[in-house]
Each structure stands twice: as structure tokens, then as C-alpha cells.
Amino acid sequence: MREITIDQFAVVNILFQFYSFDYFLESAAKIGFRKIDLWTGYPHMLLDNDYEKQCGEIRKKCEDMGLQIANVMPKVIGWPLNIADEDDKIRNRAVDYLKRAIDAAEILGAPSLQLVPGTGLYDQPVEPAWQRSRDSLCRVAEYAEKKGKQLALEAIQIVESNLVGNKETLFRMVSEVNSPALGAVVDTTHMEKNGESLDEYFELLGTKIKRIHLNESDQLPWGEGHAPIQVYLNQIRRAGYKGEFSIEICSRTHYLKPYITLKNTYEYLEDALRRQTPLE
């Protein structure tokens, strides 16, 4: 099996949300990353009425720095953007926002986008919210098909959603939407919280897995948690996965020193990749 290389990794800008977007781009390029996974949160990006101009400017900055926008991560967790909301106005607004994100990805030159399932209210039956989420995803996937963009749905933790939170519910939702435009994202932090493994995800979802968030436990910088990166790398290689990885650090204390945090993570990854061993 071929080895995983550092060029397959894209860094998510959420770590730099207390700093300017230009500082993030400069830092990522200086550290050695060549790909970014663009989180569309404030203050780095706003998918408002001026998004086309902003996307053009972002793409040019990335090209000037030798960076590729590998994926777009629309910020759609929580009100007022919830694709499973029982209020038609809020739900339709969220769907329109995701369609705009697909249009933005076209301008940015990004081939794919990551989605989340939205959530229902926790004191209400889950199934109606599930159906609303599925119907919204069907609408977004239909639009993505027309635009030639790949979507990937992430299973997230119970503190974010009560709909898609493990491999079984992720498989069920992707299967029910049943669109060639919709695949799956595996986040190793969420996976580890569930007591699941990459082997189990690959066995269940196979080639439906379009992206992996190769994250340390609790979305810490690599090396500060307990996730077994060599085990992850071996499972990924055995599965024959050849896609990209995102590095998503969401530890708020590290938002204060994002450059050194990202540099340390990059060096940890480089060392881990150097230590890959032949598979039997």
C-alpha cells in the first residue's frame, strides 16, 4: 500500500479565528501546507450578498501564495442556519445558504464541500427532524449535482446534533439521500468519542468516504492528546483511501497562539508520516 504524504493534508482556518485571514494564509504557506479547507466563519469569510467579490479575492490570494482551496466548510451549525429546523423560513434559509456555498466553491476553485446534518429539538421526536434534514440534503445534493461539486456529510457529536452522530446514522442518511453528489466525512475525534474505528467506517461506508478529518482527541493539536496516529494511518492505508485529510484544531486556548500550534502539528504529522511502516 502506498504511503500517505503531507501533500494530502489541508488545514482548516478555524484555528485562526482570532486573527486575520491574511495571517492564516501566510502562516499556512510558511509552515509548509499547500492546501486549505476553508471554513466560512467570521471574521474570515461571510457568504453574504458580496460573496462573489470576496471569493475572487480569496482565490487570488491563495494562488499568489501557492495554496489550493481543497474544500469549503460552510458554517451551518446552530440558529439561524439549521437544515432540520421545524420553521420553514429558517430551514429554507439554510438550504439557500448551502446553495450559495456551492456557488462560492465554484468561484474559489474548490471541488468539494463538507456538510453537517442540522439538529432537532432534544425534547421532540427525532424522526420528523430526521426527515427535514434528509429533505434539505436532497435539495442541496440535487443542486451540487448540477454544479459538479462533491458533498460530504459529517457525523457530529451529541452536543451539536441529535440526528447524525455515528457510523450507522451517517450510513443511513447518505443512503436515504441516495445522490452521487453526497458522500461522507469521518472525523477521528467524533469517532473516538463513540468508541468506533476507521476500520468500521470503511467497512460500512467504503468509497462513500470522501474526506477524513484526521484529528487528535478532543480536536487538540496533534501530540497533545491520546489518539493513536500510527493506528489511524495503517487503517487508512489498508482501506486503500487515496483522498485528502483535513486538520481541524478546535481547542479555544490554542486560538491565542495559532501559528506555533499549527507549526507543532505540522512537524508532528511529518514525523508520523516518516515513521509509516510497510503493511503486511
Protein backbone atom coordinates (compact mmCIF):
# COMPACT_ATOMS: atom_id res chain seq x y z
CA MET A 1 0.00 0.00 0.00
CA ARG A 2 1.33 3.43 -0.84
CA GLU A 3 2.30 5.79 1.96
CA ILE A 4 0.28 8.83 2.97
CA THR A 5 2.05 12.12 2.21
CA ILE A 6 1.90 15.58 3.75
CA ASP A 7 0.60 16.95 0.45
CA GLN A 8 -2.73 15.19 1.13
CA PHE A 9 -3.37 17.40 4.16
CA ALA A 10 -5.40 20.62 4.20
CA VAL A 11 -5.59 22.90 7.22
CA VAL A 12 -8.85 24.43 8.47
CA ASN A 13 -8.70 28.16 9.25
CA ILE A 14 -10.99 27.89 12.31
CA LEU A 15 -7.85 27.78 14.49
CA PHE A 16 -7.01 31.35 13.37
CA GLN A 17 -10.44 32.90 14.00
CA PHE A 18 -8.99 35.48 16.42
CA TYR A 19 -6.59 36.60 13.67
CA SER A 20 -6.91 37.95 10.15
CA PHE A 21 -7.44 35.67 7.17
CA ASP A 22 -4.26 37.02 5.58
CA TYR A 23 -2.30 35.97 8.68
CA PHE A 24 -3.79 32.48 8.39
CA LEU A 25 -2.80 32.16 4.72
CA GLU A 26 0.70 33.48 5.34
CA SER A 27 1.14 31.11 8.31
CA ALA A 28 -0.14 28.03 6.47
CA ALA A 29 2.14 28.69 3.49
CA LYS A 30 5.19 29.46 5.64
CA ILE A 31 4.73 26.31 7.74
CA GLY A 32 4.52 24.15 4.61
CA PHE A 33 0.86 23.41 3.93
CA ARG A 34 -0.21 23.59 0.29
CA LYS A 35 -3.94 23.10 0.78
CA ILE A 36 -6.58 24.76 2.92
CA ASP A 37 -10.06 23.68 3.98
CA LEU A 38 -11.98 26.95 4.01
CA TRP A 39 -14.31 27.43 6.98
CA THR A 40 -16.71 30.23 6.07
CA GLY A 41 -16.99 31.71 9.55
CA TYR A 42 -16.48 35.29 10.71
CA PRO A 43 -14.13 37.15 10.51
CA HIS A 44 -12.51 35.29 7.62
CA MET A 45 -15.44 34.98 5.27
CA LEU A 46 -19.09 35.93 5.05
CA LEU A 47 -21.33 34.30 2.47
CA ASP A 48 -23.43 37.44 2.13
CA ASN A 49 -24.53 39.41 -0.92
CA ASP A 50 -20.93 40.41 -1.66
CA TYR A 51 -19.60 36.85 -1.62
CA GLU A 52 -18.62 36.71 -5.31
CA LYS A 53 -16.16 39.59 -4.97
CA GLN A 54 -14.79 38.18 -1.74
CA CYS A 55 -14.34 34.70 -3.25
CA GLY A 56 -12.44 36.13 -6.20
CA GLU A 57 -10.10 37.99 -3.88
CA ILE A 58 -9.55 34.93 -1.68
CA ARG A 59 -8.76 32.73 -4.66
CA LYS A 60 -6.20 35.19 -5.99
CA LYS A 61 -4.50 35.47 -2.59
CA CYS A 62 -4.28 31.69 -2.34
CA GLU A 63 -2.90 31.31 -5.85
CA ASP A 64 -0.30 34.01 -5.17
CA MET A 65 0.86 32.06 -2.10
CA GLY A 66 0.84 28.65 -3.79
CA LEU A 67 -2.18 27.47 -1.81
CA GLN A 68 -5.08 25.42 -3.15
CA ILE A 69 -8.59 25.62 -1.69
CA ALA A 70 -9.26 21.92 -1.42
CA ASN A 71 -12.65 22.08 0.28
CA VAL A 72 -15.23 24.51 1.62
CA MET A 73 -16.74 24.08 5.08
CA PRO A 74 -19.91 26.22 5.32
CA LYS A 75 -20.67 27.38 8.86
CA VAL A 76 -24.16 25.96 9.38
CA ILE A 77 -24.30 24.71 12.96
CA GLY A 78 -26.91 26.38 15.14
CA TRP A 79 -29.55 29.04 14.63
CA PRO A 80 -30.23 30.76 12.26
CA LEU A 81 -28.85 28.12 9.87
CA ASN A 82 -30.35 24.73 10.63
CA ILE A 83 -31.38 22.45 7.76
CA ALA A 84 -33.53 20.37 10.12
CA ASP A 85 -35.41 23.24 11.76
CA GLU A 86 -39.19 22.92 12.08
CA ASP A 87 -39.58 26.54 10.93
CA ASP A 88 -39.79 26.55 7.12
CA LYS A 89 -38.23 30.01 6.91
CA ILE A 90 -35.13 29.05 8.87
CA ARG A 91 -34.77 25.72 7.06
CA ASN A 92 -35.14 27.28 3.61
CA ARG A 93 -32.65 30.00 4.54
CA ALA A 94 -30.14 27.31 5.49
CA VAL A 95 -30.67 25.44 2.20
CA ASP A 96 -30.24 28.67 0.23
CA TYR A 97 -27.06 29.37 2.18
CA LEU A 98 -25.63 25.97 1.25
CA LYS A 99 -26.50 26.53 -2.40
CA ARG A 100 -24.67 29.84 -2.20
CA ALA A 101 -21.71 27.98 -0.67
CA ILE A 102 -21.71 25.66 -3.70
CA ASP A 103 -21.65 28.72 -5.98
CA ALA A 104 -18.82 30.14 -3.87
CA ALA A 105 -16.84 26.89 -4.19
CA GLU A 106 -17.13 27.24 -7.96
CA ILE A 107 -15.52 30.69 -7.84
CA LEU A 108 -12.90 29.55 -5.32
CA GLY A 109 -11.93 26.56 -7.45
CA ALA A 110 -12.78 24.12 -4.66
CA PRO A 111 -14.05 20.71 -5.83
CA SER A 112 -15.93 19.76 -2.66
CA LEU A 113 -17.87 20.93 0.38
CA GLN A 114 -18.48 19.46 3.82
CA LEU A 115 -21.99 19.47 5.32
CA VAL A 116 -23.49 18.81 8.75
CA PRO A 117 -26.98 17.38 9.37
CA GLY A 118 -28.58 20.15 11.41
CA THR A 119 -30.44 19.21 14.54
CA GLY A 120 -33.86 18.69 16.01
CA LEU A 121 -35.02 19.88 19.41
CA TYR A 122 -33.99 17.39 22.07
CA ASP A 123 -37.40 17.29 23.76
CA GLN A 124 -39.14 16.47 20.48
CA PRO A 125 -39.33 13.19 18.48
CA VAL A 126 -36.24 12.68 16.36
CA GLU A 127 -37.83 11.23 13.22
CA PRO A 128 -39.59 14.40 11.95
CA ALA A 129 -36.32 16.33 12.30
CA TRP A 130 -34.51 13.49 10.53
CA GLN A 131 -36.92 13.75 7.61
CA ARG A 132 -36.48 17.53 7.43
CA SER A 133 -32.70 17.13 7.41
CA ARG A 134 -32.88 14.44 4.71
CA ASP A 135 -35.19 16.52 2.53
CA SER A 136 -32.91 19.55 2.84
CA LEU A 137 -29.86 17.46 1.97
CA CYS A 138 -31.68 16.10 -1.08
CA ARG A 139 -32.30 19.66 -2.30
CA VAL A 140 -28.68 20.66 -1.74
CA ALA A 141 -27.34 17.47 -3.34
CA GLU A 142 -29.51 18.00 -6.42
CA TYR A 143 -28.02 21.48 -6.79
CA ALA A 144 -24.48 20.14 -6.26
CA GLU A 145 -25.02 17.55 -9.00
CA LYS A 146 -25.90 20.32 -11.45
CA LYS A 147 -22.80 22.27 -10.44
CA GLY A 148 -20.47 19.26 -10.48
CA LYS A 149 -19.49 19.55 -6.81
CA GLN A 150 -18.87 16.73 -4.35
CA LEU A 151 -20.56 16.96 -0.94
CA ALA A 152 -19.62 15.02 2.18
CA LEU A 153 -21.72 14.76 5.33
CA GLU A 154 -20.08 14.62 8.76
CA ALA A 155 -21.32 12.67 11.77
CA ILE A 156 -21.03 15.10 14.69
CA GLN A 157 -21.29 14.86 18.48
CA ILE A 158 -24.48 14.86 20.54
CA VAL A 159 -23.67 18.35 21.86
CA GLU A 160 -24.10 19.58 18.25
CA SER A 161 -26.83 17.37 16.77
CA ASN A 162 -29.23 14.59 17.74
CA LEU A 163 -29.52 13.30 14.17
CA VAL A 164 -26.28 12.01 12.61
CA GLY A 165 -23.72 11.15 15.27
CA ASN A 166 -22.16 7.76 14.46
CA LYS A 167 -21.35 5.42 11.60
CA GLU A 168 -24.83 3.85 11.49
CA THR A 169 -26.75 7.12 11.29
CA LEU A 170 -24.23 8.52 8.82
CA PHE A 171 -24.68 5.48 6.60
CA ARG A 172 -28.46 5.70 6.90
CA MET A 173 -28.61 9.40 5.95
CA VAL A 174 -26.22 9.11 3.00
CA SER A 175 -28.17 6.05 1.78
CA GLU A 176 -31.56 7.75 2.11
CA VAL A 177 -30.43 10.86 0.24
CA ASN A 178 -29.06 8.47 -2.38
CA SER A 179 -27.26 11.04 -4.51
CA PRO A 180 -23.94 10.58 -6.30
CA ALA A 181 -23.10 14.07 -5.07
CA LEU A 182 -23.31 13.14 -1.36
CA GLY A 183 -20.67 11.12 0.42
CA ALA A 184 -19.34 11.02 3.97
CA VAL A 185 -16.74 12.70 6.18
CA VAL A 186 -15.13 10.78 9.03
CA ASP A 187 -13.82 12.88 11.92
CA THR A 188 -11.50 10.82 14.10
CA THR A 189 -12.28 12.94 17.19
CA HIS A 190 -16.01 12.19 16.99
CA MET A 191 -15.24 8.58 16.03
CA GLU A 192 -13.03 8.09 19.09
CA LYS A 193 -15.69 9.60 21.39
CA ASN A 194 -18.10 6.93 20.11
CA GLY A 195 -15.64 4.09 20.63
CA GLU A 196 -15.62 3.45 16.86
CA SER A 197 -12.73 2.74 14.49
CA LEU A 198 -11.73 3.74 10.99
CA ASP A 199 -11.88 0.08 10.00
CA GLU A 200 -15.58 0.05 10.95
CA TYR A 201 -16.29 3.20 8.94
CA PHE A 202 -14.55 1.85 5.87
CA GLU A 203 -16.33 -1.49 6.20
CA LEU A 204 -19.73 0.20 6.35
CA LEU A 205 -19.28 3.19 4.02
CA GLY A 206 -16.40 2.15 1.73
CA THR A 207 -15.90 4.52 -1.18
CA LYS A 208 -18.66 6.78 0.15
CA ILE A 209 -15.96 8.23 2.42
CA LYS A 210 -14.78 11.31 0.56
CA ARG A 211 -12.82 13.11 3.27
CA ILE A 212 -11.20 12.37 6.62
CA HIS A 213 -10.68 14.85 9.44
CA LEU A 214 -7.54 13.28 10.85
CA ASN A 215 -7.82 14.88 14.27
CA GLU A 216 -6.23 14.38 17.65
CA SER A 217 -8.52 13.51 20.58
CA ASP A 218 -10.79 16.43 21.56
CA GLN A 219 -9.62 18.27 18.40
CA LEU A 220 -6.41 19.25 20.18
CA PRO A 221 -3.15 19.88 18.33
CA TRP A 222 -1.55 16.57 17.38
CA GLY A 223 0.70 15.31 20.14
CA GLU A 224 -1.29 16.86 22.99
CA GLY A 225 -3.93 14.13 23.22
CA HIS A 226 -4.00 10.36 23.17
CA ALA A 227 -5.16 9.41 19.65
CA PRO A 228 -3.03 6.62 18.07
CA ILE A 229 -1.97 8.25 14.82
CA GLN A 230 0.02 5.25 13.53
CA VAL A 231 -3.02 3.01 14.03
CA TYR A 232 -5.12 5.51 12.09
CA LEU A 233 -2.57 5.76 9.27
CA ASN A 234 -2.35 1.99 8.95
CA GLN A 235 -6.13 1.54 8.88
CA ILE A 236 -6.45 4.24 6.22
CA ARG A 237 -3.73 2.70 4.07
CA ARG A 238 -5.19 -0.81 4.37
CA ALA A 239 -8.54 0.55 3.22
CA GLY A 240 -6.90 1.95 0.09
CA TYR A 241 -8.09 5.50 0.78
CA LYS A 242 -6.35 7.95 -1.54
CA GLY A 243 -8.26 11.12 -0.74
CA GLU A 244 -7.43 14.20 1.28
CA PHE A 245 -7.30 14.87 5.01
CA SER A 246 -8.28 17.96 6.97
CA ILE A 247 -6.57 19.11 10.15
CA GLU A 248 -9.14 20.81 12.36
CA ILE A 249 -7.92 22.18 15.70
CA CYS A 250 -10.84 23.47 17.78
CA SER A 251 -9.26 23.98 21.19
CA ARG A 252 -10.00 27.57 22.21
CA THR A 253 -6.88 28.01 24.33
CA HIS A 254 -4.83 27.32 21.20
CA TYR A 255 -6.67 30.05 19.26
CA LEU A 256 -4.43 32.52 21.11
CA LYS A 257 -1.21 31.15 19.57
CA PRO A 258 -2.31 29.61 16.28
CA TYR A 259 0.99 29.85 14.42
CA ILE A 260 3.10 27.86 16.87
CA THR A 261 0.18 25.46 17.40
CA LEU A 262 -0.09 24.76 13.68
CA LYS A 263 3.69 24.56 13.24
CA ASN A 264 3.96 21.98 16.02
CA THR A 265 1.11 19.98 14.49
CA TYR A 266 2.73 20.05 11.04
CA GLU A 267 6.03 18.81 12.47
CA TYR A 268 4.24 16.08 14.40
CA LEU A 269 2.48 14.95 11.22
CA GLU A 270 5.72 14.98 9.23
CA ASP A 271 7.37 12.80 11.86
CA ALA A 272 4.40 10.41 11.97
CA LEU A 273 4.40 10.10 8.19
CA ARG A 274 8.14 9.40 8.15
CA ARG A 275 7.55 6.52 10.58
CA GLN A 276 5.00 4.71 8.41
CA THR A 277 5.93 1.06 8.15
CA PRO A 278 5.23 -1.47 5.37
CA LEU A 279 1.87 -3.18 5.75
CA GLU A 280 1.61 -6.96 5.71
